[in-house]
N, C-alpha and C. Protein backbone atom coordinates (compact mmCIF):
# COMPACT_ATOMS: atom_id res chain seq x y z
N UNK A 1 -31.36 79.83 -14.09
CA UNK A 1 -30.31 79.31 -13.24
C UNK A 1 -29.50 80.46 -12.63
N UNK A 2 -29.31 81.50 -13.41
CA UNK A 2 -28.57 82.67 -12.93
C UNK A 2 -29.30 83.31 -11.75
N UNK A 3 -30.64 83.34 -11.83
CA UNK A 3 -31.43 83.91 -10.74
C UNK A 3 -31.24 83.11 -9.45
N UNK A 4 -31.09 81.79 -9.56
CA UNK A 4 -30.91 80.96 -8.38
C UNK A 4 -29.58 81.28 -7.71
N UNK A 5 -28.53 81.47 -8.49
CA UNK A 5 -27.24 81.85 -7.93
C UNK A 5 -27.33 83.20 -7.26
N UNK A 6 -28.04 84.11 -7.88
CA UNK A 6 -28.23 85.44 -7.32
C UNK A 6 -29.00 85.35 -6.00
N UNK A 7 -30.00 84.49 -5.96
CA UNK A 7 -30.79 84.30 -4.75
C UNK A 7 -29.93 83.72 -3.63
N UNK A 8 -29.08 82.75 -3.97
CA UNK A 8 -28.19 82.15 -2.96
C UNK A 8 -27.26 83.21 -2.37
N UNK A 9 -26.77 84.10 -3.21
CA UNK A 9 -25.91 85.18 -2.72
C UNK A 9 -26.70 86.12 -1.82
N UNK A 10 -27.93 86.40 -2.21
CA UNK A 10 -28.77 87.30 -1.42
C UNK A 10 -29.06 86.70 -0.04
N UNK A 11 -29.19 85.38 0.04
CA UNK A 11 -29.45 84.72 1.31
C UNK A 11 -28.36 85.04 2.33
N UNK A 12 -27.14 85.13 1.86
CA UNK A 12 -26.02 85.42 2.76
C UNK A 12 -26.14 86.82 3.36
N UNK A 13 -26.81 87.72 2.65
CA UNK A 13 -26.90 89.11 3.08
C UNK A 13 -28.11 89.40 3.96
N UNK A 14 -29.13 88.56 3.89
CA UNK A 14 -30.36 88.77 4.67
C UNK A 14 -30.06 88.52 6.14
N UNK A 15 -30.57 89.39 6.99
CA UNK A 15 -30.34 89.28 8.43
C UNK A 15 -31.64 89.49 9.19
N UNK A 16 -31.75 88.81 10.32
CA UNK A 16 -32.86 89.04 11.25
C UNK A 16 -32.34 88.79 12.66
N UNK A 17 -32.88 89.53 13.59
CA UNK A 17 -32.48 89.42 14.99
C UNK A 17 -33.67 88.97 15.82
N UNK A 18 -33.40 88.12 16.78
CA UNK A 18 -34.40 87.72 17.77
C UNK A 18 -33.85 88.03 19.14
N UNK A 19 -34.75 88.28 20.07
CA UNK A 19 -34.29 88.60 21.42
C UNK A 19 -35.21 87.96 22.46
N UNK A 20 -34.71 87.95 23.69
CA UNK A 20 -35.50 87.44 24.82
C UNK A 20 -35.03 88.12 26.09
N UNK A 21 -35.85 88.02 27.12
CA UNK A 21 -35.49 88.58 28.41
C UNK A 21 -35.29 90.08 28.38
N UNK A 22 -36.14 90.78 27.63
CA UNK A 22 -35.98 92.23 27.54
C UNK A 22 -34.67 92.61 26.87
N UNK A 23 -34.29 91.84 25.86
CA UNK A 23 -33.07 92.04 25.07
C UNK A 23 -31.80 91.68 25.84
N UNK A 24 -31.94 90.87 26.89
CA UNK A 24 -30.73 90.40 27.59
C UNK A 24 -29.94 89.46 26.69
N UNK A 25 -30.66 88.74 25.81
CA UNK A 25 -30.01 87.86 24.84
C UNK A 25 -30.55 88.21 23.47
N UNK A 26 -29.64 88.39 22.51
CA UNK A 26 -30.01 88.66 21.12
C UNK A 26 -29.25 87.70 20.22
N UNK A 27 -29.95 87.19 19.22
CA UNK A 27 -29.38 86.24 18.27
C UNK A 27 -29.62 86.78 16.87
N UNK A 28 -28.59 86.78 16.03
CA UNK A 28 -28.71 87.17 14.62
C UNK A 28 -28.60 85.93 13.75
N UNK A 29 -29.51 85.83 12.77
CA UNK A 29 -29.47 84.76 11.78
C UNK A 29 -29.34 85.37 10.41
N UNK A 30 -28.76 84.59 9.48
CA UNK A 30 -28.75 85.04 8.08
C UNK A 30 -29.83 84.28 7.32
N UNK A 31 -29.93 84.56 6.04
CA UNK A 31 -30.98 83.97 5.21
C UNK A 31 -30.84 82.47 5.01
N UNK A 32 -29.69 81.92 5.38
CA UNK A 32 -29.53 80.46 5.33
C UNK A 32 -29.91 79.84 6.66
N UNK A 33 -30.46 80.71 7.56
CA UNK A 33 -30.89 80.33 8.90
C UNK A 33 -29.74 79.84 9.76
N UNK A 34 -28.55 80.39 9.49
CA UNK A 34 -27.38 80.09 10.30
C UNK A 34 -27.18 81.21 11.31
N UNK A 35 -26.84 80.83 12.54
CA UNK A 35 -26.58 81.84 13.56
C UNK A 35 -25.25 82.51 13.24
N UNK A 36 -25.29 83.84 13.15
CA UNK A 36 -24.07 84.56 12.81
C UNK A 36 -23.56 85.42 13.96
N UNK A 37 -24.39 85.63 14.97
CA UNK A 37 -23.95 86.40 16.12
C UNK A 37 -24.89 86.15 17.29
N UNK A 38 -24.34 86.28 18.49
CA UNK A 38 -25.14 86.21 19.70
C UNK A 38 -24.56 87.22 20.68
N UNK A 39 -25.46 87.95 21.34
CA UNK A 39 -25.05 88.93 22.33
C UNK A 39 -25.77 88.62 23.64
N UNK A 40 -24.98 88.52 24.71
CA UNK A 40 -25.53 88.22 26.02
C UNK A 40 -25.12 89.35 26.96
N UNK A 41 -26.11 90.01 27.55
CA UNK A 41 -25.81 91.13 28.44
C UNK A 41 -25.27 90.59 29.76
N UNK A 42 -24.46 91.38 30.44
CA UNK A 42 -23.93 90.95 31.75
C UNK A 42 -25.04 90.62 32.75
N UNK A 43 -26.19 91.30 32.64
CA UNK A 43 -27.30 91.04 33.55
C UNK A 43 -27.81 89.60 33.43
N UNK A 44 -27.68 89.04 32.25
CA UNK A 44 -28.16 87.66 32.04
C UNK A 44 -27.31 86.66 32.81
N UNK A 45 -26.11 87.07 33.19
CA UNK A 45 -25.19 86.18 33.89
C UNK A 45 -25.25 86.35 35.41
N UNK A 46 -25.93 87.41 35.86
CA UNK A 46 -26.00 87.67 37.30
C UNK A 46 -26.68 86.52 38.02
N UNK A 47 -26.11 86.15 39.14
CA UNK A 47 -26.71 85.08 39.95
C UNK A 47 -26.30 83.69 39.49
N UNK A 48 -25.65 83.58 38.36
CA UNK A 48 -25.18 82.28 37.90
C UNK A 48 -26.28 81.30 37.55
N UNK A 49 -27.46 81.80 37.16
CA UNK A 49 -28.58 80.93 36.80
C UNK A 49 -28.42 80.49 35.35
N UNK A 50 -27.65 79.43 35.14
CA UNK A 50 -27.34 78.98 33.80
C UNK A 50 -28.55 78.37 33.09
N UNK A 51 -29.46 77.78 33.84
CA UNK A 51 -30.68 77.25 33.22
C UNK A 51 -31.50 78.38 32.61
N UNK A 52 -31.59 79.50 33.34
CA UNK A 52 -32.32 80.65 32.80
C UNK A 52 -31.63 81.17 31.54
N UNK A 53 -30.30 81.25 31.58
CA UNK A 53 -29.55 81.72 30.42
C UNK A 53 -29.79 80.81 29.22
N UNK A 54 -29.76 79.52 29.44
CA UNK A 54 -30.03 78.57 28.36
C UNK A 54 -31.42 78.79 27.78
N UNK A 55 -32.41 78.99 28.64
CA UNK A 55 -33.78 79.25 28.19
C UNK A 55 -33.85 80.55 27.38
N UNK A 56 -33.13 81.58 27.84
CA UNK A 56 -33.11 82.86 27.12
C UNK A 56 -32.49 82.71 25.73
N UNK A 57 -31.44 81.91 25.63
CA UNK A 57 -30.80 81.69 24.33
C UNK A 57 -31.76 80.96 23.39
N UNK A 58 -32.41 79.94 23.89
CA UNK A 58 -33.36 79.18 23.07
C UNK A 58 -34.50 80.09 22.62
N UNK A 59 -35.03 80.90 23.54
CA UNK A 59 -36.15 81.80 23.20
C UNK A 59 -35.70 82.85 22.17
N UNK A 60 -34.50 83.40 22.33
CA UNK A 60 -34.01 84.39 21.37
C UNK A 60 -33.82 83.76 19.99
N UNK A 61 -33.32 82.53 19.96
CA UNK A 61 -33.15 81.84 18.68
C UNK A 61 -34.50 81.57 18.03
N UNK A 62 -35.48 81.16 18.80
CA UNK A 62 -36.82 80.92 18.26
C UNK A 62 -37.41 82.20 17.68
N UNK A 63 -37.22 83.31 18.40
CA UNK A 63 -37.70 84.61 17.93
C UNK A 63 -36.99 85.01 16.64
N UNK A 64 -35.70 84.76 16.57
CA UNK A 64 -34.94 85.07 15.35
C UNK A 64 -35.43 84.21 14.17
N UNK A 65 -35.76 82.96 14.43
CA UNK A 65 -36.27 82.08 13.38
C UNK A 65 -37.59 82.62 12.83
N UNK A 66 -38.48 83.06 13.71
CA UNK A 66 -39.75 83.64 13.27
C UNK A 66 -39.47 84.87 12.40
N UNK A 67 -38.55 85.71 12.86
CA UNK A 67 -38.26 86.94 12.13
C UNK A 67 -37.60 86.68 10.79
N UNK A 68 -36.68 85.72 10.72
CA UNK A 68 -36.01 85.45 9.44
C UNK A 68 -37.00 84.85 8.45
N UNK A 69 -37.93 84.04 8.92
CA UNK A 69 -38.94 83.47 8.02
C UNK A 69 -39.82 84.58 7.43
N UNK A 70 -40.13 85.57 8.25
CA UNK A 70 -40.92 86.71 7.78
C UNK A 70 -40.15 87.50 6.71
N UNK A 71 -38.88 87.76 6.99
CA UNK A 71 -38.05 88.49 6.03
C UNK A 71 -37.91 87.69 4.74
N UNK A 72 -37.68 86.39 4.85
CA UNK A 72 -37.53 85.53 3.68
C UNK A 72 -38.80 85.53 2.83
N UNK A 73 -39.94 85.50 3.48
CA UNK A 73 -41.20 85.52 2.76
C UNK A 73 -41.34 86.79 1.94
N UNK A 74 -40.99 87.92 2.55
CA UNK A 74 -41.04 89.20 1.82
C UNK A 74 -40.05 89.20 0.65
N UNK A 75 -38.83 88.70 0.90
CA UNK A 75 -37.81 88.68 -0.15
C UNK A 75 -38.22 87.78 -1.32
N UNK A 76 -38.79 86.62 -1.00
CA UNK A 76 -39.21 85.70 -2.06
C UNK A 76 -40.36 86.30 -2.85
N UNK A 77 -41.27 87.00 -2.17
CA UNK A 77 -42.35 87.67 -2.87
C UNK A 77 -41.83 88.74 -3.80
N UNK A 78 -40.83 89.48 -3.36
CA UNK A 78 -40.23 90.53 -4.18
C UNK A 78 -39.54 89.91 -5.40
N UNK A 79 -38.83 88.81 -5.19
CA UNK A 79 -38.16 88.14 -6.32
C UNK A 79 -39.17 87.58 -7.31
N UNK A 80 -40.27 87.01 -6.80
CA UNK A 80 -41.30 86.46 -7.68
C UNK A 80 -41.91 87.58 -8.52
N UNK A 81 -42.15 88.72 -7.89
CA UNK A 81 -42.71 89.86 -8.62
C UNK A 81 -41.76 90.35 -9.70
N UNK A 82 -40.46 90.36 -9.41
CA UNK A 82 -39.48 90.80 -10.39
C UNK A 82 -39.40 89.83 -11.56
N UNK A 83 -39.45 88.52 -11.25
CA UNK A 83 -39.32 87.54 -12.32
C UNK A 83 -40.56 87.53 -13.22
N UNK A 84 -41.69 88.02 -12.71
CA UNK A 84 -42.90 88.08 -13.51
C UNK A 84 -43.03 89.44 -14.20
N UNK A 85 -42.07 90.32 -13.94
CA UNK A 85 -42.08 91.61 -14.59
C UNK A 85 -42.91 92.65 -13.87
N UNK A 86 -43.37 92.35 -12.65
CA UNK A 86 -44.14 93.30 -11.88
C UNK A 86 -43.19 94.21 -11.11
N UNK A 87 -43.53 95.48 -10.99
CA UNK A 87 -42.69 96.34 -10.14
C UNK A 87 -42.84 95.95 -8.68
N UNK A 88 -41.78 96.13 -7.94
CA UNK A 88 -41.80 95.74 -6.52
C UNK A 88 -41.78 96.97 -5.67
């Protein structure tokens, strides 16, 4: 049970970034898959194309989700190895 609490705390610290449009939009997620930051470059706002901006945000979030899942998989593998007594 103590390991589960430790894992929950670790989730808050895990971070992954996704981007789109040549990094015009970047989204950061934590290990709970909550968005913790978003950065939008001024270039993304040029021309007032809000539909494009919306698409860039969605694409950056999707990319961040892929990245956080990858990080989580590695972290869970490391925790499983530790709990079995294997060096990580």
